[in-house]
Amino acid sequence: MLYNALIRTHHITSRKKVSALKRAADMHNCFVLLRSGGCPGIMYVEAEGKDSVESWVNVVRNLRYKDFQLVSRPGVVTKETQGEDSQVNGHARSSKPAARPIVGLSEVETAKSLVV
């Protein structure tokens, strides 16, 4: 079962903090997607265990980002059926089984790039 969380901050610009987030993603076996370089900072985390997601979120919390907001608390990735295709958290997915998330951290420059 997959779990995820969504975090919004004022911005993500510190390369030291991004390095800490990358190490934490590797250590906790999480897939992390960051919108960095300006306002707002957006972080999406997904992993196979709720404990992994919660541990990664705690690392972010301890880095004391300005205007930290846990928009979506760690929880199960929900699936909404619509005909043959389904939606996962509002994003269209095929009816094939979900693949395991890739462990590690990826960065994008625009919020639009976060949408699959």
C-alpha atoms as a PDB file:
ATOM      1  CA  MET A   1       0.000   0.000   0.000  1.00  0.00           C
ATOM      2  CA  LEU A   2       1.277   3.476  -0.859  1.00  0.00           C
ATOM      3  CA  TYR A   3       1.190   6.471   1.483  1.00  0.00           C
ATOM      4  CA  ASN A   4       1.786  10.133   0.669  1.00  0.00           C
ATOM      5  CA  ALA A   5       1.852  13.653   2.093  1.00  0.00           C
ATOM      6  CA  LEU A   6       1.965  17.185   0.706  1.00  0.00           C
ATOM      7  CA  ILE A   7       3.828  20.119   2.273  1.00  0.00           C
ATOM      8  CA  ARG A   8       3.837  23.800   1.332  1.00  0.00           C
ATOM      9  CA  THR A   9       6.457  26.289   2.534  1.00  0.00           C
ATOM     10  CA  HIS A  10       7.284  29.907   1.789  1.00  0.00           C
ATOM     11  CA  HIS A  11      10.164  28.876  -0.486  1.00  0.00           C
ATOM     12  CA  ILE A  12      12.851  26.218  -1.004  1.00  0.00           C
ATOM     13  CA  THR A  13      16.199  27.808  -1.861  1.00  0.00           C
ATOM     14  CA  SER A  14      18.778  26.469   0.610  1.00  0.00           C
ATOM     15  CA  ARG A  15      20.956  23.844  -1.076  1.00  0.00           C
ATOM     16  CA  LYS A  16      22.006  22.550   2.374  1.00  0.00           C
ATOM     17  CA  LYS A  17      18.380  21.872   3.275  1.00  0.00           C
ATOM     18  CA  VAL A  18      17.722  20.228  -0.117  1.00  0.00           C
ATOM     19  CA  SER A  19      20.746  17.970   0.503  1.00  0.00           C
ATOM     20  CA  ALA A  20      19.297  17.028   3.901  1.00  0.00           C
ATOM     21  CA  LEU A  21      15.935  16.261   2.248  1.00  0.00           C
ATOM     22  CA  LYS A  22      17.670  14.055  -0.338  1.00  0.00           C
ATOM     23  CA  ARG A  23      19.542  12.120   2.360  1.00  0.00           C
ATOM     24  CA  ALA A  24      16.298  11.673   4.312  1.00  0.00           C
ATOM     25  CA  ALA A  25      14.461  10.439   1.192  1.00  0.00           C
ATOM     26  CA  ASP A  26      17.160   7.833   0.608  1.00  0.00           C
ATOM     27  CA  MET A  27      17.307   6.849   4.283  1.00  0.00           C
ATOM     28  CA  HIS A  28      13.521   6.459   4.636  1.00  0.00           C
ATOM     29  CA  ASN A  29      12.995   4.872   1.166  1.00  0.00           C
ATOM     30  CA  CYS A  30      10.739   7.691  -0.045  1.00  0.00           C
ATOM     31  CA  PHE A  31      10.026   9.202  -3.460  1.00  0.00           C
ATOM     32  CA  VAL A  32      10.113  13.001  -3.096  1.00  0.00           C
ATOM     33  CA  LEU A  33       9.219  15.688  -5.607  1.00  0.00           C
ATOM     34  CA  LEU A  34      10.208  19.297  -4.799  1.00  0.00           C
ATOM     35  CA  ARG A  35       9.172  22.564  -6.383  1.00  0.00           C
ATOM     36  CA  SER A  36      12.237  24.623  -5.492  1.00  0.00           C
ATOM     37  CA  GLY A  37      13.834  27.920  -6.397  1.00  0.00           C
ATOM     38  CA  GLY A  38      11.095  30.335  -5.404  1.00  0.00           C
ATOM     39  CA  CYS A  39       7.700  30.885  -3.834  1.00  0.00           C
ATOM     40  CA  PRO A  40       5.877  28.738  -2.936  1.00  0.00           C
ATOM     41  CA  GLY A  41       7.931  25.715  -2.000  1.00  0.00           C
ATOM     42  CA  ILE A  42       6.007  22.486  -2.562  1.00  0.00           C
ATOM     43  CA  MET A  43       7.053  19.010  -1.387  1.00  0.00           C
ATOM     44  CA  TYR A  44       5.279  15.775  -2.307  1.00  0.00           C
ATOM     45  CA  VAL A  45       6.404  12.540  -0.636  1.00  0.00           C
ATOM     46  CA  GLU A  46       5.293   8.977  -1.366  1.00  0.00           C
ATOM     47  CA  ALA A  47       6.430   5.656   0.108  1.00  0.00           C
ATOM     48  CA  GLU A  48       5.255   2.118   0.768  1.00  0.00           C
ATOM     49  CA  GLY A  49       5.057   2.623   4.537  1.00  0.00           C
ATOM     50  CA  LYS A  50       3.265   5.274   6.570  1.00  0.00           C
ATOM     51  CA  ASP A  51       6.194   5.336   9.015  1.00  0.00           C
ATOM     52  CA  SER A  52       8.560   6.253   6.157  1.00  0.00           C
ATOM     53  CA  VAL A  53       6.368   9.172   5.077  1.00  0.00           C
ATOM     54  CA  GLU A  54       5.914  10.379   8.668  1.00  0.00           C
ATOM     55  CA  SER A  55       9.671  10.164   9.343  1.00  0.00           C
ATOM     56  CA  TRP A  56      10.455  12.187   6.215  1.00  0.00           C
ATOM     57  CA  VAL A  57       7.828  14.813   7.142  1.00  0.00           C
ATOM     58  CA  ASN A  58       9.448  15.092  10.598  1.00  0.00           C
ATOM     59  CA  VAL A  59      12.820  15.771   8.949  1.00  0.00           C
ATOM     60  CA  VAL A  60      11.199  18.625   6.992  1.00  0.00           C
ATOM     61  CA  ARG A  61       9.535  19.958  10.147  1.00  0.00           C
ATOM     62  CA  ASN A  62      12.902  19.939  11.985  1.00  0.00           C
ATOM     63  CA  LEU A  63      14.520  21.980   9.186  1.00  0.00           C
ATOM     64  CA  ARG A  64      12.183  24.811  10.267  1.00  0.00           C
ATOM     65  CA  TYR A  65      11.052  26.017   6.857  1.00  0.00           C
ATOM     66  CA  LYS A  66       9.314  29.404   6.883  1.00  0.00           C
ATOM     67  CA  ASP A  67       5.493  29.100   6.722  1.00  0.00           C
ATOM     68  CA  PHE A  68       5.555  25.267   6.971  1.00  0.00           C
ATOM     69  CA  GLN A  69       2.078  23.874   6.191  1.00  0.00           C
ATOM     70  CA  LEU A  70       1.266  20.167   6.147  1.00  0.00           C
ATOM     71  CA  VAL A  71      -1.426  20.446   3.459  1.00  0.00           C
ATOM     72  CA  SER A  72      -2.118  16.712   3.292  1.00  0.00           C
ATOM     73  CA  ARG A  73      -1.212  14.605   6.321  1.00  0.00           C
ATOM     74  CA  PRO A  74       0.482  11.233   5.755  1.00  0.00           C
ATOM     75  CA  GLY A  75      -2.200   8.851   4.566  1.00  0.00           C
ATOM     76  CA  VAL A  76      -3.098   6.125   2.109  1.00  0.00           C
ATOM     77  CA  VAL A  77      -3.016   7.039  -1.580  1.00  0.00           C
ATOM     78  CA  THR A  78      -6.719   6.943  -2.443  1.00  0.00           C
ATOM     79  CA  LYS A  79      -8.071   5.584  -5.681  1.00  0.00           C
ATOM     80  CA  GLU A  80     -11.299   6.811  -7.304  1.00  0.00           C
ATOM     81  CA  THR A  81     -12.697   4.555 -10.042  1.00  0.00           C
ATOM     82  CA  GLN A  82     -14.008   6.210 -13.210  1.00  0.00           C
ATOM     83  CA  GLY A  83     -14.835   3.656 -15.913  1.00  0.00           C
ATOM     84  CA  GLU A  84     -11.771   1.703 -17.007  1.00  0.00           C
ATOM     85  CA  ASP A  85      -9.361   4.362 -15.812  1.00  0.00           C
ATOM     86  CA  SER A  86      -9.017   5.560 -12.265  1.00  0.00           C
ATOM     87  CA  GLN A  87      -7.815   8.617 -10.431  1.00  0.00           C
ATOM     88  CA  VAL A  88      -5.258   8.696  -7.662  1.00  0.00           C
ATOM     89  CA  ASN A  89      -5.594  11.862  -5.591  1.00  0.00           C
ATOM     90  CA  GLY A  90      -7.242  13.573  -8.550  1.00  0.00           C
ATOM     91  CA  HIS A  91      -4.652  12.511 -11.143  1.00  0.00           C
ATOM     92  CA  ALA A  92      -5.657  10.200 -13.990  1.00  0.00           C
ATOM     93  CA  ARG A  93      -4.006   6.788 -13.898  1.00  0.00           C
ATOM     94  CA  SER A  94      -4.526   3.709 -16.018  1.00  0.00           C
ATOM     95  CA  SER A  95      -6.215   0.641 -14.565  1.00  0.00           C
ATOM     96  CA  LYS A  96      -2.849  -1.155 -14.399  1.00  0.00           C
ATOM     97  CA  PRO A  97      -1.475  -1.811 -10.895  1.00  0.00           C
ATOM     98  CA  ALA A  98       0.558   1.048  -9.456  1.00  0.00           C
ATOM     99  CA  ALA A  99       4.302   0.633  -9.741  1.00  0.00           C
ATOM    100  CA  ARG A 100       6.512   1.000  -6.699  1.00  0.00           C
ATOM    101  CA  PRO A 101       7.651   4.599  -6.273  1.00  0.00           C
ATOM    102  CA  ILE A 102      11.254   5.322  -7.161  1.00  0.00           C
ATOM    103  CA  VAL A 103      13.311   6.122  -4.066  1.00  0.00           C
ATOM    104  CA  GLY A 104      15.058   9.479  -4.098  1.00  0.00           C
ATOM    105  CA  LEU A 105      14.450  13.180  -4.629  1.00  0.00           C
ATOM    106  CA  SER A 106      13.626  15.056  -7.844  1.00  0.00           C
ATOM    107  CA  GLU A 107      13.334  18.813  -8.276  1.00  0.00           C
ATOM    108  CA  VAL A 108      11.169  20.840 -10.645  1.00  0.00           C
ATOM    109  CA  GLU A 109      11.113  24.602 -11.188  1.00  0.00           C
ATOM    110  CA  THR A 110       7.385  25.166 -11.710  1.00  0.00           C
ATOM    111  CA  ALA A 111       4.281  24.003  -9.874  1.00  0.00           C
ATOM    112  CA  LYS A 112       2.794  23.026 -13.244  1.00  0.00           C
ATOM    113  CA  SER A 113       5.583  20.431 -13.604  1.00  0.00           C
ATOM    114  CA  LEU A 114       4.289  18.633 -10.496  1.00  0.00           C
ATOM    115  CA  VAL A 115       1.076  17.554 -12.248  1.00  0.00           C
ATOM    116  CA  VAL A 116       1.338  14.130 -13.867  1.00  0.00           C
END
